[in-house]
Amino acid sequence: MTKITKTRKPVTLEAAAKKLLNLFGPKGQHWIKGVSAVDSKGDTVAVQSKKAVKWCFSGAIIKLNLPQEVRSAFRETIGGSIIDFNDGHRTYTHVRKLLERVAKPKTKK
């Protein structure tokens, strides 16, 4: 029997950033640090759990089933680890600013 696997549509870094911004919410109400995902009680859950309501940057990439190329591109953009970037900053503002910058790349004049 031949296994049929779904092929994913290519996802640009810009599109991935927009999806992440949407998942985290306008004020970062669905973003966390320190763990991959939590439920409404604040308990740690799997990123794909239906109970998950908040995700870290890395957990959100997994939750959205973004391809490995996107993870690699974010690491290159950050200049290091996604987890260290997410957990090393005090607020969602740093994460949001990075995602907004990536979601709206500068156009050449």
N, C-alpha and C. Protein backbone atom coordinates (compact mmCIF):
# COMPACT_ATOMS: atom_id res chain seq x y z
N MET A 1 0.85 -1.17 0.00
CA MET A 1 0.00 0.00 0.00
C MET A 1 0.90 1.24 0.00
N THR A 2 0.56 2.21 -0.83
CA THR A 2 1.30 3.45 -0.92
C THR A 2 0.71 4.45 0.05
N LYS A 3 1.60 5.06 0.80
CA LYS A 3 1.17 6.10 1.74
C LYS A 3 1.05 7.42 1.01
N ILE A 4 -0.06 8.09 1.17
CA ILE A 4 -0.25 9.40 0.57
C ILE A 4 -0.10 10.43 1.68
N THR A 5 0.81 11.34 1.46
CA THR A 5 1.00 12.39 2.46
C THR A 5 0.55 13.72 1.86
N LYS A 6 -0.03 14.51 2.70
CA LYS A 6 -0.44 15.84 2.25
C LYS A 6 0.80 16.70 2.08
N THR A 7 0.82 17.42 1.00
CA THR A 7 1.90 18.39 0.84
C THR A 7 1.37 19.74 1.29
N ARG A 8 2.21 20.44 2.03
CA ARG A 8 1.81 21.76 2.52
C ARG A 8 2.05 22.80 1.46
N LYS A 9 1.16 23.77 1.45
CA LYS A 9 1.38 24.92 0.59
C LYS A 9 2.60 25.66 1.11
N PRO A 10 3.40 26.19 0.21
CA PRO A 10 4.53 27.00 0.69
C PRO A 10 4.01 28.20 1.49
N VAL A 11 4.71 28.51 2.56
CA VAL A 11 4.33 29.64 3.40
C VAL A 11 5.50 30.61 3.42
N THR A 12 5.22 31.85 3.07
CA THR A 12 6.28 32.87 3.13
C THR A 12 6.49 33.27 4.58
N LEU A 13 7.63 33.84 4.86
CA LEU A 13 7.92 34.33 6.20
C LEU A 13 6.94 35.42 6.58
N GLU A 14 6.59 36.26 5.61
CA GLU A 14 5.63 37.35 5.86
C GLU A 14 4.26 36.78 6.26
N ALA A 15 3.80 35.76 5.53
CA ALA A 15 2.51 35.14 5.83
C ALA A 15 2.54 34.47 7.20
N ALA A 16 3.65 33.82 7.52
CA ALA A 16 3.80 33.16 8.82
C ALA A 16 3.74 34.19 9.94
N ALA A 17 4.41 35.32 9.77
CA ALA A 17 4.39 36.38 10.78
C ALA A 17 2.97 36.89 11.00
N LYS A 18 2.21 37.04 9.93
CA LYS A 18 0.81 37.50 10.06
C LYS A 18 -0.02 36.47 10.82
N LYS A 19 0.19 35.18 10.54
CA LYS A 19 -0.55 34.13 11.24
C LYS A 19 -0.21 34.13 12.73
N LEU A 20 1.06 34.33 13.04
CA LEU A 20 1.48 34.37 14.45
C LEU A 20 0.88 35.58 15.16
N LEU A 21 0.91 36.73 14.51
CA LEU A 21 0.30 37.93 15.11
C LEU A 21 -1.18 37.70 15.38
N ASN A 22 -1.86 37.08 14.45
CA ASN A 22 -3.28 36.79 14.61
C ASN A 22 -3.52 35.83 15.78
N LEU A 23 -2.70 34.79 15.87
CA LEU A 23 -2.85 33.82 16.96
C LEU A 23 -2.61 34.46 18.32
N PHE A 24 -1.58 35.30 18.43
CA PHE A 24 -1.25 35.92 19.71
C PHE A 24 -2.25 37.00 20.13
N GLY A 25 -3.00 37.53 19.19
CA GLY A 25 -3.98 38.57 19.52
C GLY A 25 -3.36 39.95 19.48
N PRO A 26 -4.18 41.00 19.33
CA PRO A 26 -3.67 42.36 19.16
C PRO A 26 -2.83 42.88 20.33
N LYS A 27 -3.09 42.39 21.52
CA LYS A 27 -2.33 42.86 22.69
C LYS A 27 -1.49 41.74 23.31
N GLY A 28 -1.35 40.64 22.55
CA GLY A 28 -0.55 39.53 23.06
C GLY A 28 -1.24 38.71 24.13
N GLN A 29 -2.55 38.78 24.16
CA GLN A 29 -3.30 38.06 25.19
C GLN A 29 -3.20 36.54 25.07
N HIS A 30 -2.70 36.04 23.94
CA HIS A 30 -2.53 34.60 23.76
C HIS A 30 -1.06 34.21 23.63
N TRP A 31 -0.18 35.07 24.13
CA TRP A 31 1.26 34.83 24.11
C TRP A 31 1.75 34.58 25.53
N ILE A 32 2.73 33.69 25.65
CA ILE A 32 3.35 33.41 26.95
C ILE A 32 4.85 33.22 26.77
N LYS A 33 5.54 33.11 27.87
CA LYS A 33 6.95 32.72 27.82
C LYS A 33 7.20 31.71 28.93
N GLY A 34 8.27 30.95 28.76
CA GLY A 34 8.64 29.98 29.79
C GLY A 34 8.15 28.57 29.54
N VAL A 35 7.04 28.43 28.85
CA VAL A 35 6.49 27.12 28.47
C VAL A 35 5.92 27.22 27.07
N SER A 36 5.69 26.09 26.43
CA SER A 36 5.21 26.09 25.05
C SER A 36 3.74 26.49 24.92
N ALA A 37 2.91 26.00 25.86
CA ALA A 37 1.48 26.30 25.80
C ALA A 37 0.84 26.08 27.16
N VAL A 38 -0.22 26.84 27.42
CA VAL A 38 -0.99 26.68 28.66
C VAL A 38 -2.48 26.71 28.35
N ASP A 39 -3.25 26.15 29.29
CA ASP A 39 -4.71 26.20 29.17
C ASP A 39 -5.24 27.42 29.91
N SER A 40 -6.54 27.53 29.99
CA SER A 40 -7.16 28.72 30.61
C SER A 40 -6.86 28.83 32.11
N LYS A 41 -6.42 27.75 32.74
CA LYS A 41 -6.06 27.77 34.15
C LYS A 41 -4.59 28.10 34.36
N GLY A 42 -3.84 28.18 33.23
CA GLY A 42 -2.41 28.43 33.34
C GLY A 42 -1.57 27.17 33.47
N ASP A 43 -2.22 26.01 33.33
CA ASP A 43 -1.49 24.75 33.39
C ASP A 43 -0.86 24.44 32.05
N THR A 44 0.34 23.89 32.07
CA THR A 44 1.04 23.52 30.84
C THR A 44 0.29 22.41 30.12
N VAL A 45 0.12 22.59 28.81
CA VAL A 45 -0.52 21.58 27.96
C VAL A 45 0.29 21.46 26.67
N ALA A 46 0.00 20.44 25.89
CA ALA A 46 0.66 20.27 24.60
C ALA A 46 0.22 21.40 23.66
N VAL A 47 1.11 21.83 22.77
CA VAL A 47 0.79 22.95 21.88
C VAL A 47 -0.41 22.66 20.98
N GLN A 48 -0.62 21.40 20.65
CA GLN A 48 -1.75 21.04 19.78
C GLN A 48 -3.03 20.72 20.56
N SER A 49 -2.97 20.80 21.88
CA SER A 49 -4.14 20.50 22.71
C SER A 49 -5.28 21.48 22.41
N LYS A 50 -6.48 20.95 22.41
CA LYS A 50 -7.66 21.81 22.22
C LYS A 50 -7.86 22.72 23.42
N LYS A 51 -7.23 22.39 24.54
CA LYS A 51 -7.33 23.21 25.75
C LYS A 51 -6.36 24.38 25.74
N ALA A 52 -5.37 24.36 24.88
CA ALA A 52 -4.36 25.43 24.84
C ALA A 52 -5.01 26.75 24.43
N VAL A 53 -4.65 27.80 25.18
CA VAL A 53 -5.18 29.14 24.88
C VAL A 53 -4.08 30.18 24.74
N LYS A 54 -2.84 29.80 25.13
CA LYS A 54 -1.69 30.70 25.01
C LYS A 54 -0.48 29.88 24.57
N TRP A 55 0.37 30.50 23.74
CA TRP A 55 1.54 29.82 23.20
C TRP A 55 2.75 30.74 23.23
N CYS A 56 3.93 30.15 23.37
CA CYS A 56 5.16 30.91 23.17
C CYS A 56 5.41 30.97 21.66
N PHE A 57 6.40 31.72 21.25
CA PHE A 57 6.74 31.89 19.83
C PHE A 57 6.96 30.53 19.17
N SER A 58 7.81 29.71 19.78
CA SER A 58 8.13 28.40 19.22
C SER A 58 6.91 27.47 19.23
N GLY A 59 6.16 27.48 20.33
CA GLY A 59 4.96 26.65 20.43
C GLY A 59 3.91 27.05 19.40
N ALA A 60 3.81 28.34 19.11
CA ALA A 60 2.85 28.83 18.13
C ALA A 60 3.22 28.36 16.72
N ILE A 61 4.52 28.31 16.43
CA ILE A 61 4.96 27.81 15.13
C ILE A 61 4.52 26.36 14.95
N ILE A 62 4.66 25.57 16.02
CA ILE A 62 4.22 24.18 15.97
C ILE A 62 2.70 24.11 15.87
N LYS A 63 2.00 24.90 16.69
CA LYS A 63 0.53 24.94 16.68
C LYS A 63 -0.01 25.22 15.29
N LEU A 64 0.62 26.16 14.59
CA LEU A 64 0.16 26.55 13.26
C LEU A 64 0.69 25.63 12.17
N ASN A 65 1.47 24.62 12.57
CA ASN A 65 2.01 23.64 11.63
C ASN A 65 2.80 24.31 10.50
N LEU A 66 3.59 25.31 10.89
CA LEU A 66 4.41 26.01 9.91
C LEU A 66 5.62 25.16 9.56
N PRO A 67 6.07 25.20 8.31
CA PRO A 67 7.17 24.34 7.89
C PRO A 67 8.50 24.70 8.55
N GLN A 68 9.40 23.73 8.56
CA GLN A 68 10.72 23.91 9.15
C GLN A 68 11.45 25.10 8.55
N GLU A 69 11.23 25.36 7.28
CA GLU A 69 11.89 26.49 6.61
C GLU A 69 11.51 27.82 7.28
N VAL A 70 10.29 27.92 7.76
CA VAL A 70 9.84 29.13 8.45
C VAL A 70 10.58 29.27 9.77
N ARG A 71 10.68 28.18 10.50
CA ARG A 71 11.42 28.20 11.78
C ARG A 71 12.86 28.64 11.54
N SER A 72 13.48 28.07 10.51
CA SER A 72 14.87 28.42 10.18
C SER A 72 15.00 29.89 9.79
N ALA A 73 14.03 30.39 9.02
CA ALA A 73 14.07 31.80 8.60
C ALA A 73 13.91 32.74 9.79
N PHE A 74 13.04 32.38 10.74
CA PHE A 74 12.90 33.20 11.95
C PHE A 74 14.18 33.18 12.77
N ARG A 75 14.82 32.01 12.89
CA ARG A 75 16.09 31.93 13.62
C ARG A 75 17.13 32.84 12.97
N GLU A 76 17.17 32.84 11.65
CA GLU A 76 18.12 33.70 10.94
C GLU A 76 17.79 35.17 11.16
N THR A 77 16.52 35.52 11.11
CA THR A 77 16.08 36.90 11.32
C THR A 77 16.42 37.38 12.73
N ILE A 78 16.20 36.50 13.70
CA ILE A 78 16.47 36.83 15.11
C ILE A 78 17.97 36.85 15.38
N GLY A 79 18.68 35.97 14.69
CA GLY A 79 20.11 35.83 14.93
C GLY A 79 20.41 34.87 16.06
N GLY A 80 19.50 33.92 16.26
CA GLY A 80 19.70 32.94 17.34
C GLY A 80 18.45 32.12 17.58
N SER A 81 18.33 31.64 18.78
CA SER A 81 17.25 30.75 19.18
C SER A 81 15.91 31.49 19.32
N ILE A 82 14.87 30.89 18.80
CA ILE A 82 13.52 31.44 18.94
C ILE A 82 13.10 31.40 20.41
N ILE A 83 13.42 30.32 21.08
CA ILE A 83 13.04 30.19 22.49
C ILE A 83 13.75 31.24 23.34
N ASP A 84 15.06 31.42 23.11
CA ASP A 84 15.80 32.44 23.86
C ASP A 84 15.25 33.84 23.58
N PHE A 85 14.90 34.10 22.32
CA PHE A 85 14.34 35.41 21.97
C PHE A 85 13.01 35.61 22.70
N ASN A 86 12.14 34.62 22.66
CA ASN A 86 10.83 34.72 23.30
C ASN A 86 10.95 34.88 24.81
N ASP A 87 11.74 34.04 25.43
CA ASP A 87 11.81 34.02 26.88
C ASP A 87 12.76 35.07 27.45
N GLY A 88 13.64 35.61 26.62
CA GLY A 88 14.62 36.57 27.10
C GLY A 88 14.10 38.00 27.18
N HIS A 89 12.92 38.25 26.68
CA HIS A 89 12.36 39.60 26.70
C HIS A 89 11.24 39.67 27.73
N ARG A 90 11.07 40.84 28.29
CA ARG A 90 10.11 40.99 29.38
C ARG A 90 8.66 41.06 28.92
N THR A 91 8.41 41.55 27.72
CA THR A 91 7.03 41.74 27.28
C THR A 91 6.82 41.22 25.86
N TYR A 92 5.56 41.16 25.49
CA TYR A 92 5.18 40.75 24.15
C TYR A 92 5.59 41.80 23.11
N THR A 93 5.82 43.02 23.55
CA THR A 93 6.15 44.11 22.63
C THR A 93 7.32 43.76 21.72
N HIS A 94 8.37 43.16 22.24
CA HIS A 94 9.53 42.80 21.43
C HIS A 94 9.16 41.77 20.36
N VAL A 95 8.37 40.78 20.75
CA VAL A 95 7.94 39.74 19.81
C VAL A 95 7.04 40.37 18.74
N ARG A 96 6.09 41.19 19.18
CA ARG A 96 5.17 41.83 18.24
C ARG A 96 5.91 42.70 17.23
N LYS A 97 6.86 43.50 17.70
CA LYS A 97 7.60 44.38 16.80
C LYS A 97 8.37 43.59 15.75
N LEU A 98 8.98 42.48 16.16
CA LEU A 98 9.68 41.63 15.19
C LEU A 98 8.69 41.08 14.16
N LEU A 99 7.57 40.55 14.63
CA LEU A 99 6.59 39.97 13.71
C LEU A 99 6.00 41.02 12.78
N GLU A 100 5.73 42.20 13.30
CA GLU A 100 5.20 43.28 12.45
C GLU A 100 6.22 43.69 11.39
N ARG A 101 7.48 43.75 11.77
CA ARG A 101 8.54 44.11 10.82
C ARG A 101 8.64 43.06 9.71
N VAL A 102 8.56 41.80 10.09
CA VAL A 102 8.65 40.71 9.11
C VAL A 102 7.38 40.65 8.25
N ALA A 103 6.23 40.93 8.86
CA ALA A 103 4.96 40.87 8.13
C ALA A 103 4.83 41.99 7.09
N LYS A 104 5.53 43.09 7.31
CA LYS A 104 5.47 44.23 6.40
C LYS A 104 6.88 44.61 5.98
N PRO A 105 7.50 43.80 5.12
CA PRO A 105 8.87 44.12 4.73
C PRO A 105 8.94 45.42 3.98
N LYS A 106 10.10 46.09 4.08
CA LYS A 106 10.29 47.36 3.38
C LYS A 106 10.28 47.12 1.88
N THR A 107 9.61 48.01 1.19
CA THR A 107 9.60 47.91 -0.27
C THR A 107 10.75 48.73 -0.84
N LYS A 108 11.29 48.24 -1.91
CA LYS A 108 12.41 48.95 -2.55
C LYS A 108 11.86 50.09 -3.39
N LYS A 109 12.55 51.23 -3.32
CA LYS A 109 12.10 52.40 -4.10
C LYS A 109 12.88 52.50 -5.38
